[in-house]
Amino acid sequence: MGEPLLDLYYAPTPNGWKITIALEEMGLPYNVVPVDLLRGDQFSDDFLKISPNGRMPALIDRSTHPPVTVFESGAILIYLALGGWLIFRVFV
């Protein structure tokens, strides 16, 4: 099996846990990219390109072209529940 196509920008907070629980329950492979909130990683230029409001967690889905970024736990859960690409096809 190839490398996971989902990158989860994660810190161990309740919002981060929601996403890891959902990904595990769905059986979806993913990479964890640690976000150090105490160091302020969520305000770095690189992270703000993924999550413009600096909120964590954030997800990059590299199974689409171009890759899709989704941020905030509620939006990520909806994206995953609808099969990812479907939400963008229907609502965007």
C-alpha atoms as a PDB file:
ATOM      1  CA  MET A   1       0.000   0.000   0.000  1.00  0.00           C
ATOM      2  CA  GLY A   2       1.272   3.499  -0.814  1.00  0.00           C
ATOM      3  CA  GLU A   3       1.818   6.428   1.448  1.00  0.00           C
ATOM      4  CA  PRO A   4      -1.338   7.929   3.033  1.00  0.00           C
ATOM      5  CA  LEU A   5      -2.862  10.768   1.023  1.00  0.00           C
ATOM      6  CA  LEU A   6      -4.235  12.619   4.055  1.00  0.00           C
ATOM      7  CA  ASP A   7      -2.021  14.911   6.132  1.00  0.00           C
ATOM      8  CA  LEU A   8      -3.514  15.857   9.494  1.00  0.00           C
ATOM      9  CA  TYR A   9      -2.013  18.920  11.165  1.00  0.00           C
ATOM     10  CA  TYR A  10      -2.596  17.964  14.762  1.00  0.00           C
ATOM     11  CA  ALA A  11      -2.123  18.994  18.361  1.00  0.00           C
ATOM     12  CA  PRO A  12      -3.383  16.833  21.256  1.00  0.00           C
ATOM     13  CA  THR A  13      -6.513  18.832  22.037  1.00  0.00           C
ATOM     14  CA  PRO A  14     -10.176  17.759  22.065  1.00  0.00           C
ATOM     15  CA  ASN A  15     -10.613  19.129  18.526  1.00  0.00           C
ATOM     16  CA  GLY A  16      -7.571  17.223  17.316  1.00  0.00           C
ATOM     17  CA  TRP A  17      -8.764  14.040  19.027  1.00  0.00           C
ATOM     18  CA  LYS A  18     -12.132  14.240  17.243  1.00  0.00           C
ATOM     19  CA  ILE A  19     -10.412  13.984  13.883  1.00  0.00           C
ATOM     20  CA  THR A  20      -8.030  11.174  14.820  1.00  0.00           C
ATOM     21  CA  ILE A  21     -10.949   9.189  16.248  1.00  0.00           C
ATOM     22  CA  ALA A  22     -12.966   9.695  13.044  1.00  0.00           C
ATOM     23  CA  LEU A  23     -10.032   8.747  10.804  1.00  0.00           C
ATOM     24  CA  GLU A  24      -9.347   5.609  12.853  1.00  0.00           C
ATOM     25  CA  GLU A  25     -13.027   4.593  12.885  1.00  0.00           C
ATOM     26  CA  MET A  26     -13.243   5.114   9.114  1.00  0.00           C
ATOM     27  CA  GLY A  27     -10.077   3.108   8.595  1.00  0.00           C
ATOM     28  CA  LEU A  28      -8.480   5.895   6.582  1.00  0.00           C
ATOM     29  CA  PRO A  29      -4.677   6.022   6.526  1.00  0.00           C
ATOM     30  CA  TYR A  30      -3.195   9.414   7.383  1.00  0.00           C
ATOM     31  CA  ASN A  31       0.025  11.166   8.302  1.00  0.00           C
ATOM     32  CA  VAL A  32       0.220  13.214  11.493  1.00  0.00           C
ATOM     33  CA  VAL A  33       1.998  16.547  11.194  1.00  0.00           C
ATOM     34  CA  PRO A  34       2.525  17.812  14.759  1.00  0.00           C
ATOM     35  CA  VAL A  35       1.507  21.399  15.513  1.00  0.00           C
ATOM     36  CA  ASP A  36       3.183  22.802  18.639  1.00  0.00           C
ATOM     37  CA  LEU A  37       0.665  25.288  20.003  1.00  0.00           C
ATOM     38  CA  LEU A  38       2.968  26.500  22.779  1.00  0.00           C
ATOM     39  CA  ARG A  39       5.644  27.378  20.226  1.00  0.00           C
ATOM     40  CA  GLY A  40       3.039  29.127  18.070  1.00  0.00           C
ATOM     41  CA  ASP A  41       3.311  26.829  15.028  1.00  0.00           C
ATOM     42  CA  GLN A  42      -0.317  27.627  14.180  1.00  0.00           C
ATOM     43  CA  PHE A  43       0.718  31.208  13.346  1.00  0.00           C
ATOM     44  CA  SER A  44       3.612  30.318  11.036  1.00  0.00           C
ATOM     45  CA  ASP A  45       3.369  31.402   7.407  1.00  0.00           C
ATOM     46  CA  ASP A  46       3.387  27.766   6.249  1.00  0.00           C
ATOM     47  CA  PHE A  47       0.497  26.805   8.526  1.00  0.00           C
ATOM     48  CA  LEU A  48      -1.509  29.920   7.658  1.00  0.00           C
ATOM     49  CA  LYS A  49      -1.432  28.822   3.994  1.00  0.00           C
ATOM     50  CA  ILE A  50      -3.327  25.698   5.090  1.00  0.00           C
ATOM     51  CA  SER A  51      -5.531  27.262   7.761  1.00  0.00           C
ATOM     52  CA  PRO A  52      -5.830  31.017   7.088  1.00  0.00           C
ATOM     53  CA  ASN A  53      -7.368  31.741  10.487  1.00  0.00           C
ATOM     54  CA  GLY A  54      -4.609  29.837  12.320  1.00  0.00           C
ATOM     55  CA  ARG A  55      -7.023  27.272  13.748  1.00  0.00           C
ATOM     56  CA  MET A  56      -6.123  23.681  14.331  1.00  0.00           C
ATOM     57  CA  PRO A  57      -6.719  20.918  13.261  1.00  0.00           C
ATOM     58  CA  ALA A  58      -6.227  21.141   9.524  1.00  0.00           C
ATOM     59  CA  LEU A  59      -6.277  18.465   6.837  1.00  0.00           C
ATOM     60  CA  ILE A  60      -4.708  18.259   3.398  1.00  0.00           C
ATOM     61  CA  ASP A  61      -6.280  15.694   1.069  1.00  0.00           C
ATOM     62  CA  ARG A  62      -3.693  14.878  -1.598  1.00  0.00           C
ATOM     63  CA  SER A  63      -5.995  12.356  -3.309  1.00  0.00           C
ATOM     64  CA  THR A  64      -7.505  15.230  -5.291  1.00  0.00           C
ATOM     65  CA  HIS A  65      -5.935  17.451  -7.907  1.00  0.00           C
ATOM     66  CA  PRO A  66      -5.207  20.072  -6.786  1.00  0.00           C
ATOM     67  CA  PRO A  67      -4.976  18.984  -3.134  1.00  0.00           C
ATOM     68  CA  VAL A  68      -7.842  20.154  -0.918  1.00  0.00           C
ATOM     69  CA  THR A  69      -7.242  21.815   2.442  1.00  0.00           C
ATOM     70  CA  VAL A  70      -9.906  21.784   5.142  1.00  0.00           C
ATOM     71  CA  PHE A  71      -9.575  23.361   8.569  1.00  0.00           C
ATOM     72  CA  GLU A  72     -11.494  23.335  11.849  1.00  0.00           C
ATOM     73  CA  SER A  73     -12.789  20.087  13.282  1.00  0.00           C
ATOM     74  CA  GLY A  74     -16.446  20.420  12.251  1.00  0.00           C
ATOM     75  CA  ALA A  75     -15.593  21.122   8.617  1.00  0.00           C
ATOM     76  CA  ILE A  76     -13.088  18.265   8.541  1.00  0.00           C
ATOM     77  CA  LEU A  77     -15.645  15.824   9.990  1.00  0.00           C
ATOM     78  CA  ILE A  78     -18.234  16.828   7.378  1.00  0.00           C
ATOM     79  CA  TYR A  79     -15.637  16.546   4.602  1.00  0.00           C
ATOM     80  CA  LEU A  80     -14.645  13.050   5.730  1.00  0.00           C
ATOM     81  CA  ALA A  81     -18.238  11.914   6.285  1.00  0.00           C
ATOM     82  CA  LEU A  82     -19.268  12.944   2.780  1.00  0.00           C
ATOM     83  CA  GLY A  83     -16.353  11.174   1.169  1.00  0.00           C
ATOM     84  CA  GLY A  84     -14.195  14.245   0.736  1.00  0.00           C
ATOM     85  CA  TRP A  85     -14.441  15.184  -2.918  1.00  0.00           C
ATOM     86  CA  LEU A  86     -18.245  14.947  -2.891  1.00  0.00           C
ATOM     87  CA  ILE A  87     -18.707  18.036  -0.731  1.00  0.00           C
ATOM     88  CA  PHE A  88     -16.738  20.179  -3.167  1.00  0.00           C
ATOM     89  CA  ARG A  89     -18.530  18.814  -6.180  1.00  0.00           C
ATOM     90  CA  VAL A  90     -21.974  19.521  -4.714  1.00  0.00           C
ATOM     91  CA  PHE A  91     -21.501  22.688  -2.701  1.00  0.00           C
ATOM     92  CA  VAL A  92     -18.626  24.593  -4.303  1.00  0.00           C
END
